[in-house]
Amino acid sequence: SLRGSADLIAYQTSKHAVLGLLRGAAMYGGPLGIRVNAVAPGIVPT
């Protein structure tokens, strides 16, 4: 979500988009008492 890469283009784009949803949801939810945050994992083999 935070950096660029020459591969995994669709994944990279999708994870940048998640941050757009995060910020919009946090702005909307804040006055309602609803918190929205995100975790950004690095390399975690699963």
PDB file of all heavy atoms in Angstrom:
ATOM      1  N   SER A   1       0.823  -1.205   0.000  1.00  0.00           N
ATOM      2  CA  SER A   1       0.000   0.000   0.000  1.00  0.00           C
ATOM      3  C   SER A   1       0.862   1.261   0.000  1.00  0.00           C
ATOM      4  O   SER A   1       0.367   2.345  -0.319  1.00  0.00           O
ATOM      5  CB  SER A   1      -0.879   0.043   1.255  1.00  0.00           C
ATOM      6  OG  SER A   1      -1.735  -1.054   1.345  1.00  0.00           O
ATOM      7  N   LEU A   2       2.134   1.113   0.369  1.00  0.00           N
ATOM      8  CA  LEU A   2       2.980   2.267   0.651  1.00  0.00           C
ATOM      9  C   LEU A   2       4.107   2.469  -0.352  1.00  0.00           C
ATOM     10  O   LEU A   2       4.712   3.541  -0.379  1.00  0.00           O
ATOM     11  CB  LEU A   2       3.610   2.098   2.045  1.00  0.00           C
ATOM     12  CG  LEU A   2       2.634   1.759   3.183  1.00  0.00           C
ATOM     13  CD1 LEU A   2       3.408   1.451   4.456  1.00  0.00           C
ATOM     14  CD2 LEU A   2       1.653   2.882   3.404  1.00  0.00           C
ATOM     15  N   ARG A   3       4.402   1.460  -1.152  1.00  0.00           N
ATOM     16  CA  ARG A   3       5.550   1.519  -2.049  1.00  0.00           C
ATOM     17  C   ARG A   3       5.173   0.958  -3.421  1.00  0.00           C
ATOM     18  O   ARG A   3       4.101   0.404  -3.604  1.00  0.00           O
ATOM     19  CB  ARG A   3       6.724   0.705  -1.479  1.00  0.00           C
ATOM     20  CG  ARG A   3       7.237   1.198  -0.136  1.00  0.00           C
ATOM     21  CD  ARG A   3       7.971   2.526  -0.258  1.00  0.00           C
ATOM     22  NE  ARG A   3       8.554   2.924   1.014  1.00  0.00           N
ATOM     23  CZ  ARG A   3       7.937   3.687   1.917  1.00  0.00           C
ATOM     24  NH1 ARG A   3       6.699   4.107   1.689  1.00  0.00           N
ATOM     25  NH2 ARG A   3       8.548   4.024   3.041  1.00  0.00           N
ATOM     26  N   GLY A   4       6.085   1.091  -4.380  1.00  0.00           N
ATOM     27  CA  GLY A   4       5.846   0.595  -5.725  1.00  0.00           C
ATOM     28  C   GLY A   4       6.651  -0.650  -6.026  1.00  0.00           C
ATOM     29  O   GLY A   4       7.617  -0.978  -5.342  1.00  0.00           O
ATOM     30  N   SER A   5       6.235  -1.356  -7.075  1.00  0.00           N
ATOM     31  CA  SER A   5       6.925  -2.565  -7.519  1.00  0.00           C
ATOM     32  C   SER A   5       6.600  -2.788  -8.984  1.00  0.00           C
ATOM     33  O   SER A   5       5.539  -2.369  -9.460  1.00  0.00           O
ATOM     34  CB  SER A   5       6.470  -3.771  -6.693  1.00  0.00           C
ATOM     35  OG  SER A   5       6.995  -4.968  -7.222  1.00  0.00           O
ATOM     36  N   ALA A   6       7.506  -3.458  -9.685  1.00  0.00           N
ATOM     37  CA  ALA A   6       7.285  -3.725 -11.107  1.00  0.00           C
ATOM     38  C   ALA A   6       6.462  -4.980 -11.345  1.00  0.00           C
ATOM     39  O   ALA A   6       6.138  -5.297 -12.487  1.00  0.00           O
ATOM     40  CB  ALA A   6       8.634  -3.855 -11.831  1.00  0.00           C
ATOM     41  N   ASP A   7       6.145  -5.700 -10.275  1.00  0.00           N
ATOM     42  CA  ASP A   7       5.312  -6.887 -10.425  1.00  0.00           C
ATOM     43  C   ASP A   7       4.152  -6.804  -9.422  1.00  0.00           C
ATOM     44  O   ASP A   7       3.984  -5.798  -8.734  1.00  0.00           O
ATOM     45  CB  ASP A   7       6.126  -8.167 -10.231  1.00  0.00           C
ATOM     46  CG  ASP A   7       6.792  -8.256  -8.858  1.00  0.00           C
ATOM     47  OD1 ASP A   7       6.574  -7.344  -8.027  1.00  0.00           O
ATOM     48  OD2 ASP A   7       7.529  -9.219  -8.614  1.00  0.00           O
ATOM     49  N   LEU A   8       3.333  -7.845  -9.371  1.00  0.00           N
ATOM     50  CA  LEU A   8       2.155  -7.837  -8.502  1.00  0.00           C
ATOM     51  C   LEU A   8       1.337  -6.560  -8.682  1.00  0.00           C
ATOM     52  O   LEU A   8       0.876  -5.942  -7.715  1.00  0.00           O
ATOM     53  CB  LEU A   8       2.567  -7.988  -7.031  1.00  0.00           C
ATOM     54  CG  LEU A   8       2.967  -9.392  -6.572  1.00  0.00           C
ATOM     55  CD1 LEU A   8       3.553  -9.332  -5.166  1.00  0.00           C
ATOM     56  CD2 LEU A   8       1.780 -10.348  -6.610  1.00  0.00           C
ATOM     57  N   ILE A   9       1.155  -6.168  -9.944  1.00  0.00           N
ATOM     58  CA  ILE A   9       0.527  -4.881 -10.255  1.00  0.00           C
ATOM     59  C   ILE A   9      -0.894  -4.794  -9.696  1.00  0.00           C
ATOM     60  O   ILE A   9      -1.272  -3.792  -9.086  1.00  0.00           O
ATOM     61  CB  ILE A   9       0.506  -4.647 -11.779  1.00  0.00           C
ATOM     62  CG1 ILE A   9       1.943  -4.655 -12.343  1.00  0.00           C
ATOM     63  CG2 ILE A   9      -0.196  -3.339 -12.112  1.00  0.00           C
ATOM     64  CD1 ILE A   9       2.853  -3.619 -11.763  1.00  0.00           C
ATOM     65  N   ALA A  10      -1.689  -5.833  -9.924  1.00  0.00           N
ATOM     66  CA  ALA A  10      -3.073  -5.794  -9.455  1.00  0.00           C
ATOM     67  C   ALA A  10      -3.123  -5.752  -7.932  1.00  0.00           C
ATOM     68  O   ALA A  10      -3.900  -4.972  -7.346  1.00  0.00           O
ATOM     69  CB  ALA A  10      -3.842  -7.001  -9.984  1.00  0.00           C
ATOM     70  N   TYR A  11      -2.313  -6.544  -7.276  1.00  0.00           N
ATOM     71  CA  TYR A  11      -2.279  -6.563  -5.806  1.00  0.00           C
ATOM     72  C   TYR A  11      -1.862  -5.201  -5.267  1.00  0.00           C
ATOM     73  O   TYR A  11      -2.489  -4.657  -4.341  1.00  0.00           O
ATOM     74  CB  TYR A  11      -1.309  -7.640  -5.341  1.00  0.00           C
ATOM     75  CG  TYR A  11      -1.189  -7.740  -3.834  1.00  0.00           C
ATOM     76  CD1 TYR A  11      -2.154  -8.414  -3.082  1.00  0.00           C
ATOM     77  CD2 TYR A  11      -0.109  -7.167  -3.165  1.00  0.00           C
ATOM     78  CE1 TYR A  11      -2.050  -8.504  -1.703  1.00  0.00           C
ATOM     79  CE2 TYR A  11       0.004  -7.255  -1.782  1.00  0.00           C
ATOM     80  CZ  TYR A  11      -0.981  -7.923  -1.063  1.00  0.00           C
ATOM     81  OH  TYR A  11      -0.876  -8.005   0.298  1.00  0.00           O
ATOM     82  N   GLN A  12      -0.792  -4.657  -5.824  1.00  0.00           N
ATOM     83  CA  GLN A  12      -0.289  -3.366  -5.380  1.00  0.00           C
ATOM     84  C   GLN A  12      -1.360  -2.283  -5.528  1.00  0.00           C
ATOM     85  O   GLN A  12      -1.594  -1.481  -4.616  1.00  0.00           O
ATOM     86  CB  GLN A  12       0.951  -3.006  -6.199  1.00  0.00           C
ATOM     87  CG  GLN A  12       1.566  -1.684  -5.865  1.00  0.00           C
ATOM     88  CD  GLN A  12       2.743  -1.401  -6.778  1.00  0.00           C
ATOM     89  OE1 GLN A  12       3.379  -0.386  -6.640  1.00  0.00           O
ATOM     90  NE2 GLN A  12       3.043  -2.270  -7.722  1.00  0.00           N
ATOM     91  N   THR A  13      -2.036  -2.273  -6.686  1.00  0.00           N
ATOM     92  CA  THR A  13      -3.094  -1.290  -6.919  1.00  0.00           C
ATOM     93  C   THR A  13      -4.224  -1.458  -5.921  1.00  0.00           C
ATOM     94  O   THR A  13      -4.743  -0.480  -5.362  1.00  0.00           O
ATOM     95  CB  THR A  13      -3.634  -1.447  -8.354  1.00  0.00           C
ATOM     96  OG1 THR A  13      -2.556  -1.294  -9.287  1.00  0.00           O
ATOM     97  CG2 THR A  13      -4.717  -0.420  -8.648  1.00  0.00           C
ATOM     98  N   SER A  14      -4.606  -2.707  -5.671  1.00  0.00           N
ATOM     99  CA  SER A  14      -5.712  -2.958  -4.743  1.00  0.00           C
ATOM    100  C   SER A  14      -5.375  -2.499  -3.335  1.00  0.00           C
ATOM    101  O   SER A  14      -6.230  -1.958  -2.621  1.00  0.00           O
ATOM    102  CB  SER A  14      -6.064  -4.452  -4.742  1.00  0.00           C
ATOM    103  OG  SER A  14      -5.081  -5.237  -4.083  1.00  0.00           O
ATOM    104  N   LYS A  15      -4.140  -2.695  -2.913  1.00  0.00           N
ATOM    105  CA  LYS A  15      -3.774  -2.320  -1.552  1.00  0.00           C
ATOM    106  C   LYS A  15      -3.614  -0.804  -1.397  1.00  0.00           C
ATOM    107  O   LYS A  15      -3.811  -0.264  -0.296  1.00  0.00           O
ATOM    108  CB  LYS A  15      -2.507  -3.059  -1.116  1.00  0.00           C
ATOM    109  CG  LYS A  15      -2.736  -4.557  -0.900  1.00  0.00           C
ATOM    110  CD  LYS A  15      -3.820  -4.821   0.153  1.00  0.00           C
ATOM    111  CE  LYS A  15      -4.006  -6.289   0.442  1.00  0.00           C
ATOM    112  NZ  LYS A  15      -5.023  -6.542   1.499  1.00  0.00           N
ATOM    113  N   HIS A  16      -3.258  -0.111  -2.467  1.00  0.00           N
ATOM    114  CA  HIS A  16      -3.324   1.350  -2.425  1.00  0.00           C
ATOM    115  C   HIS A  16      -4.783   1.795  -2.282  1.00  0.00           C
ATOM    116  O   HIS A  16      -5.085   2.738  -1.542  1.00  0.00           O
ATOM    117  CB  HIS A  16      -2.713   1.948  -3.700  1.00  0.00           C
ATOM    118  CG  HIS A  16      -1.225   2.102  -3.646  1.00  0.00           C
ATOM    119  ND1 HIS A  16      -0.349   1.044  -3.641  1.00  0.00           N
ATOM    120  CD2 HIS A  16      -0.454   3.213  -3.596  1.00  0.00           C
ATOM    121  CE1 HIS A  16       0.897   1.491  -3.602  1.00  0.00           C
ATOM    122  NE2 HIS A  16       0.861   2.814  -3.560  1.00  0.00           N
ATOM    123  N   ALA A  17      -5.683   1.124  -2.983  1.00  0.00           N
ATOM    124  CA  ALA A  17      -7.099   1.477  -2.914  1.00  0.00           C
ATOM    125  C   ALA A  17      -7.670   1.258  -1.518  1.00  0.00           C
ATOM    126  O   ALA A  17      -8.552   2.010  -1.070  1.00  0.00           O
ATOM    127  CB  ALA A  17      -7.893   0.665  -3.934  1.00  0.00           C
ATOM    128  N   VAL A  18      -7.173   0.239  -0.813  1.00  0.00           N
ATOM    129  CA  VAL A  18      -7.643  -0.013   0.555  1.00  0.00           C
ATOM    130  C   VAL A  18      -7.407   1.211   1.438  1.00  0.00           C
ATOM    131  O   VAL A  18      -8.240   1.549   2.292  1.00  0.00           O
ATOM    132  CB  VAL A  18      -6.950  -1.259   1.143  1.00  0.00           C
ATOM    133  CG1 VAL A  18      -7.160  -1.350   2.653  1.00  0.00           C
ATOM    134  CG2 VAL A  18      -7.482  -2.522   0.466  1.00  0.00           C
ATOM    135  N   LEU A  19      -6.309   1.919   1.216  1.00  0.00           N
ATOM    136  CA  LEU A  19      -6.038   3.113   2.020  1.00  0.00           C
ATOM    137  C   LEU A  19      -7.022   4.237   1.697  1.00  0.00           C
ATOM    138  O   LEU A  19      -7.357   5.041   2.578  1.00  0.00           O
ATOM    139  CB  LEU A  19      -4.608   3.592   1.814  1.00  0.00           C
ATOM    140  CG  LEU A  19      -3.501   2.630   2.236  1.00  0.00           C
ATOM    141  CD1 LEU A  19      -2.163   3.346   2.273  1.00  0.00           C
ATOM    142  CD2 LEU A  19      -3.795   2.001   3.589  1.00  0.00           C
ATOM    143  N   GLY A  20      -7.485   4.311   0.454  1.00  0.00           N
ATOM    144  CA  GLY A  20      -8.521   5.283   0.128  1.00  0.00           C
ATOM    145  C   GLY A  20      -9.808   4.992   0.872  1.00  0.00           C
ATOM    146  O   GLY A  20     -10.457   5.903   1.417  1.00  0.00           O
ATOM    147  N   LEU A  21     -10.185   3.719   0.910  1.00  0.00           N
ATOM    148  CA  LEU A  21     -11.372   3.323   1.668  1.00  0.00           C
ATOM    149  C   LEU A  21     -11.171   3.577   3.163  1.00  0.00           C
ATOM    150  O   LEU A  21     -12.094   4.030   3.858  1.00  0.00           O
ATOM    151  CB  LEU A  21     -11.680   1.850   1.420  1.00  0.00           C
ATOM    152  CG  LEU A  21     -12.233   1.510   0.041  1.00  0.00           C
ATOM    153  CD1 LEU A  21     -12.203  -0.002  -0.193  1.00  0.00           C
ATOM    154  CD2 LEU A  21     -13.656   2.035  -0.115  1.00  0.00           C
ATOM    155  N   LEU A  22      -9.981   3.283   3.669  1.00  0.00           N
ATOM    156  CA  LEU A  22      -9.677   3.522   5.074  1.00  0.00           C
ATOM    157  C   LEU A  22      -9.914   4.977   5.451  1.00  0.00           C
ATOM    158  O   LEU A  22     -10.601   5.281   6.438  1.00  0.00           O
ATOM    159  CB  LEU A  22      -8.216   3.151   5.350  1.00  0.00           C
ATOM    160  CG  LEU A  22      -7.618   3.699   6.648  1.00  0.00           C
ATOM    161  CD1 LEU A  22      -8.210   3.003   7.849  1.00  0.00           C
ATOM    162  CD2 LEU A  22      -6.104   3.586   6.636  1.00  0.00           C
ATOM    163  N   ARG A  23      -9.354   5.880   4.678  1.00  0.00           N
ATOM    164  CA  ARG A  23      -9.419   7.295   5.050  1.00  0.00           C
ATOM    165  C   ARG A  23     -10.826   7.852   4.919  1.00  0.00           C
ATOM    166  O   ARG A  23     -11.275   8.640   5.759  1.00  0.00           O
ATOM    167  CB  ARG A  23      -8.407   8.069   4.215  1.00  0.00           C
ATOM    168  CG  ARG A  23      -6.987   7.750   4.683  1.00  0.00           C
ATOM    169  CD  ARG A  23      -5.913   8.072   3.697  1.00  0.00           C
ATOM    170  NE  ARG A  23      -4.607   7.680   4.255  1.00  0.00           N
ATOM    171  CZ  ARG A  23      -3.562   7.312   3.532  1.00  0.00           C
ATOM    172  NH1 ARG A  23      -3.659   7.272   2.215  1.00  0.00           N
ATOM    173  NH2 ARG A  23      -2.426   6.975   4.106  1.00  0.00           N
ATOM    174  N   GLY A  24     -11.540   7.430   3.880  1.00  0.00           N
ATOM    175  CA  GLY A  24     -12.927   7.857   3.746  1.00  0.00           C
ATOM    176  C   GLY A  24     -13.788   7.333   4.887  1.00  0.00           C
ATOM    177  O   GLY A  24     -14.617   8.058   5.445  1.00  0.00           O
ATOM    178  N   ALA A  25     -13.588   6.061   5.254  1.00  0.00           N
ATOM    179  CA  ALA A  25     -14.381   5.456   6.317  1.00  0.00           C
ATOM    180  C   ALA A  25     -14.057   6.075   7.672  1.00  0.00           C
ATOM    181  O   ALA A  25     -14.950   6.277   8.507  1.00  0.00           O
ATOM    182  CB  ALA A  25     -14.133   3.950   6.368  1.00  0.00           C
ATOM    183  N   ALA A  26     -12.770   6.395   7.912  1.00  0.00           N
ATOM    184  CA  ALA A  26     -12.385   7.006   9.183  1.00  0.00           C
ATOM    185  C   ALA A  26     -12.985   8.403   9.302  1.00  0.00           C
ATOM    186  O   ALA A  26     -13.444   8.813  10.381  1.00  0.00           O
ATOM    187  CB  ALA A  26     -10.869   7.064   9.306  1.00  0.00           C
ATOM    188  N   MET A  27     -13.001   9.150   8.203  1.00  0.00           N
ATOM    189  CA  MET A  27     -13.600  10.481   8.217  1.00  0.00           C
ATOM    190  C   MET A  27     -15.098  10.403   8.471  1.00  0.00           C
ATOM    191  O   MET A  27     -15.655  11.178   9.251  1.00  0.00           O
ATOM    192  CB  MET A  27     -13.323  11.193   6.892  1.00  0.00           C
ATOM    193  CG  MET A  27     -11.883  11.618   6.709  1.00  0.00           C
ATOM    194  SD  MET A  27     -11.348  12.910   7.864  1.00  0.00           S
ATOM    195  CE  MET A  27     -12.372  14.275   7.323  1.00  0.00           C
ATOM    196  N   TYR A  28     -15.750   9.459   7.816  1.00  0.00           N
ATOM    197  CA  TYR A  28     -17.191   9.305   7.987  1.00  0.00           C
ATOM    198  C   TYR A  28     -17.533   8.785   9.382  1.00  0.00           C
ATOM    199  O   TYR A  28     -18.483   9.246  10.028  1.00  0.00           O
ATOM    200  CB  TYR A  28     -17.752   8.353   6.927  1.00  0.00           C
ATOM    201  CG  TYR A  28     -19.248   8.176   7.027  1.00  0.00           C
ATOM    202  CD1 TYR A  28     -20.112   9.091   6.440  1.00  0.00           C
ATOM    203  CD2 TYR A  28     -19.801   7.109   7.725  1.00  0.00           C
ATOM    204  CE1 TYR A  28     -21.493   8.952   6.553  1.00  0.00           C
ATOM    205  CE2 TYR A  28     -21.172   6.952   7.838  1.00  0.00           C
ATOM    206  CZ  TYR A  28     -22.017   7.879   7.247  1.00  0.00           C
ATOM    207  OH  TYR A  28     -23.371   7.734   7.368  1.00  0.00           O
ATOM    208  N   GLY A  29     -16.760   7.835   9.844  1.00  0.00           N
ATOM    209  CA  GLY A  29     -17.087   7.178  11.096  1.00  0.00           C
ATOM    210  C   GLY A  29     -16.704   7.941  12.338  1.00  0.00           C
ATOM    211  O   GLY A  29     -17.320   7.758  13.399  1.00  0.00           O
ATOM    212  N   GLY A  30     -15.705   8.803  12.251  1.00  0.00           N
ATOM    213  CA  GLY A  30     -15.223   9.506  13.425  1.00  0.00           C
ATOM    214  C   GLY A  30     -16.301  10.222  14.226  1.00  0.00           C
ATOM    215  O   GLY A  30     -16.428  10.010  15.445  1.00  0.00           O
ATOM    216  N   PRO A  31     -17.101  11.078  13.590  1.00  0.00           N
ATOM    217  CA  PRO A  31     -18.144  11.786  14.344  1.00  0.00           C
ATOM    218  C   PRO A  31     -19.203  10.860  14.934  1.00  0.00           C
ATOM    219  O   PRO A  31     -19.935  11.255  15.837  1.00  0.00           O
ATOM    220  CB  PRO A  31     -18.761  12.716  13.283  1.00  0.00           C
ATOM    221  CG  PRO A  31     -17.686  12.905  12.266  1.00  0.00           C
ATOM    222  CD  PRO A  31     -16.986  11.582  12.211  1.00  0.00           C
ATOM    223  N   LEU A  32     -19.271   9.631  14.416  1.00  0.00           N
ATOM    224  CA  LEU A  32     -20.243   8.662  14.916  1.00  0.00           C
ATOM    225  C   LEU A  32     -19.669   7.797  16.039  1.00  0.00           C
ATOM    226  O   LEU A  32     -20.364   6.945  16.592  1.00  0.00           O
ATOM    227  CB  LEU A  32     -20.707   7.752  13.772  1.00  0.00           C
ATOM    228  CG  LEU A  32     -21.350   8.452  12.573  1.00  0.00           C
ATOM    229  CD1 LEU A  32     -21.605   7.444  11.451  1.00  0.00           C
ATOM    230  CD2 LEU A  32     -22.634   9.151  12.981  1.00  0.00           C
ATOM    231  N   GLY A  33     -18.391   7.987  16.335  1.00  0.00           N
ATOM    232  CA  GLY A  33     -17.748   7.166  17.352  1.00  0.00           C
ATOM    233  C   GLY A  33     -17.261   5.834  16.838  1.00  0.00           C
ATOM    234  O   GLY A  33     -16.990   4.924  17.629  1.00  0.00           O
ATOM    235  N   ILE A  34     -17.125   5.718  15.522  1.00  0.00           N
ATOM    236  CA  ILE A  34     -16.659   4.475  14.897  1.00  0.00           C
ATOM    237  C   ILE A  34     -15.234   4.688  14.398  1.00  0.00           C
ATOM    238  O   ILE A  34     -14.987   5.564  13.564  1.00  0.00           O
ATOM    239  CB  ILE A  34     -17.569   4.060  13.729  1.00  0.00           C
ATOM    240  CG1 ILE A  34     -18.998   3.838  14.226  1.00  0.00           C
ATOM    241  CG2 ILE A  34     -17.026   2.807  13.033  1.00  0.00           C
ATOM    242  CD1 ILE A  34     -20.027   3.743  13.112  1.00  0.00           C
ATOM    243  N   ARG A  35     -14.307   3.901  14.908  1.00  0.00           N
ATOM    244  CA  ARG A  35     -12.916   4.020  14.499  1.00  0.00           C
ATOM    245  C   ARG A  35     -12.583   3.008  13.405  1.00  0.00           C
ATOM    246  O   ARG A  35     -13.041   1.861  13.463  1.00  0.00           O
ATOM    247  CB  ARG A  35     -11.978   3.801  15.689  1.00  0.00           C
ATOM    248  CG  ARG A  35     -12.127   4.834  16.789  1.00  0.00           C
ATOM    249  CD  ARG A  35     -11.048   4.703  17.850  1.00  0.00           C
ATOM    250  NE  ARG A  35     -11.092   3.424  18.553  1.00  0.00           N
ATOM    251  CZ  ARG A  35     -10.260   2.416  18.335  1.00  0.00           C
ATOM    252  NH1 ARG A  35      -9.320   2.494  17.410  1.00  0.00           N
ATOM    253  NH2 ARG A  35     -10.363   1.285  19.030  1.00  0.00           N
ATOM    254  N   VAL A  36     -11.786   3.436  12.434  1.00  0.00           N
ATOM    255  CA  VAL A  36     -11.341   2.556  11.355  1.00  0.00           C
ATOM    256  C   VAL A  36      -9.840   2.742  11.179  1.00  0.00           C
ATOM    257  O   VAL A  36      -9.373   3.862  10.932  1.00  0.00           O
ATOM    258  CB  VAL A  36     -12.059   2.870  10.026  1.00  0.00           C
ATOM    259  CG1 VAL A  36     -11.671   1.844   8.957  1.00  0.00           C
ATOM    260  CG2 VAL A  36     -13.575   2.903  10.215  1.00  0.00           C
ATOM    261  N   ASN A  37      -9.094   1.661  11.332  1.00  0.00           N
ATOM    262  CA  ASN A  37      -7.643   1.695  11.165  1.00  0.00           C
ATOM    263  C   ASN A  37      -7.199   0.524  10.288  1.00  0.00           C
ATOM    264  O   ASN A  37      -7.998  -0.356   9.966  1.00  0.00           O
ATOM    265  CB  ASN A  37      -6.947   1.622  12.528  1.00  0.00           C
ATOM    266  CG  ASN A  37      -7.154   2.874  13.348  1.00  0.00           C
ATOM    267  OD1 ASN A  37      -6.591   3.920  13.053  1.00  0.00           O
ATOM    268  ND2 ASN A  37      -7.979   2.775  14.394  1.00  0.00           N
ATOM    269  N   ALA A  38      -5.938   0.528   9.920  1.00  0.00           N
ATOM    270  CA  ALA A  38      -5.420  -0.546   9.073  1.00  0.00           C
ATOM    271  C   ALA A  38      -4.064  -1.007   9.563  1.00  0.00           C
ATOM    272  O   ALA A  38      -3.273  -0.221  10.100  1.00  0.00           O
ATOM    273  CB  ALA A  38      -5.309  -0.079   7.623  1.00  0.00           C
ATOM    274  N   VAL A  39      -3.803  -2.273   9.364  1.00  0.00           N
ATOM    275  CA  VAL A  39      -2.483  -2.836   9.595  1.00  0.00           C
ATOM    276  C   VAL A  39      -1.850  -3.094   8.238  1.00  0.00           C
ATOM    277  O   VAL A  39      -2.518  -3.534   7.300  1.00  0.00           O
ATOM    278  CB  VAL A  39      -2.572  -4.134  10.428  1.00  0.00           C
ATOM    279  CG1 VAL A  39      -3.378  -5.213   9.712  1.00  0.00           C
ATOM    280  CG2 VAL A  39      -1.188  -4.657  10.768  1.00  0.00           C
ATOM    281  N   ALA A  40      -0.565  -2.759   8.122  1.00  0.00           N
ATOM    282  CA  ALA A  40       0.154  -2.951   6.858  1.00  0.00           C
ATOM    283  C   ALA A  40       1.270  -3.964   7.071  1.00  0.00           C
ATOM    284  O   ALA A  40       2.395  -3.595   7.442  1.00  0.00           O
ATOM    285  CB  ALA A  40       0.720  -1.632   6.348  1.00  0.00           C
ATOM    286  N   PRO A  41       0.965  -5.254   6.877  1.00  0.00           N
ATOM    287  CA  PRO A  41       2.006  -6.276   7.067  1.00  0.00           C
ATOM    288  C   PRO A  41       3.113  -6.159   6.029  1.00  0.00           C
ATOM    289  O   PRO A  41       2.880  -5.761   4.883  1.00  0.00           O
ATOM    290  CB  PRO A  41       1.234  -7.597   6.891  1.00  0.00           C
ATOM    291  CG  PRO A  41      -0.208  -7.236   7.071  1.00  0.00           C
ATOM    292  CD  PRO A  41      -0.330  -5.845   6.549  1.00  0.00           C
ATOM    293  N   GLY A  42       4.295  -6.530   6.460  1.00  0.00           N
ATOM    294  CA  GLY A  42       5.397  -6.656   5.522  1.00  0.00           C
ATOM    295  C   GLY A  42       5.439  -8.079   4.998  1.00  0.00           C
ATOM    296  O   GLY A  42       4.415  -8.621   4.590  1.00  0.00           O
ATOM    297  N   ILE A  43       6.597  -8.687   5.020  1.00  0.00           N
ATOM    298  CA  ILE A  43       6.742 -10.035   4.481  1.00  0.00           C
ATOM    299  C   ILE A  43       6.355 -11.049   5.551  1.00  0.00           C
ATOM    300  O   ILE A  43       7.062 -11.233   6.550  1.00  0.00           O
ATOM    301  CB  ILE A  43       8.176 -10.273   3.991  1.00  0.00           C
ATOM    302  CG1 ILE A  43       8.472  -9.336   2.805  1.00  0.00           C
ATOM    303  CG2 ILE A  43       8.379 -11.717   3.588  1.00  0.00           C
ATOM    304  CD1 ILE A  43       9.873  -9.454   2.259  1.00  0.00           C
ATOM    305  N   VAL A  44       5.208 -11.681   5.339  1.00  0.00           N
ATOM    306  CA  VAL A  44       4.697 -12.685   6.263  1.00  0.00           C
ATOM    307  C   VAL A  44       4.307 -13.916   5.435  1.00  0.00           C
ATOM    308  O   VAL A  44       3.218 -13.966   4.865  1.00  0.00           O
ATOM    309  CB  VAL A  44       3.483 -12.176   7.055  1.00  0.00           C
ATOM    310  CG1 VAL A  44       3.020 -13.228   8.052  1.00  0.00           C
ATOM    311  CG2 VAL A  44       3.811 -10.872   7.767  1.00  0.00           C
ATOM    312  N   PRO A  45       5.171 -14.902   5.302  1.00  0.00           N
ATOM    313  CA  PRO A  45       4.858 -16.088   4.489  1.00  0.00           C
ATOM    314  C   PRO A  45       3.706 -16.882   5.090  1.00  0.00           C
ATOM    315  O   PRO A  45       3.744 -17.257   6.262  1.00  0.00           O
ATOM    316  CB  PRO A  45       6.162 -16.897   4.524  1.00  0.00           C
ATOM    317  CG  PRO A  45       7.218 -15.933   4.954  1.00  0.00           C
ATOM    318  CD  PRO A  45       6.527 -14.954   5.856  1.00  0.00           C
ATOM    319  N   THR A  46       2.691 -17.121   4.301  1.00  0.00           N
ATOM    320  CA  THR A  46       1.560 -17.956   4.718  1.00  0.00           C
ATOM    321  C   THR A  46       1.225 -18.916   3.587  1.00  0.00           C
ATOM    322  O   THR A  46       1.792 -18.836   2.494  1.00  0.00           O
ATOM    323  CB  THR A  46       0.312 -17.112   5.041  1.00  0.00           C
ATOM    324  OG1 THR A  46      -0.192 -16.536   3.823  1.00  0.00           O
ATOM    325  CG2 THR A  46       0.627 -15.999   6.034  1.00  0.00           C
TER     326      THR A  46
END
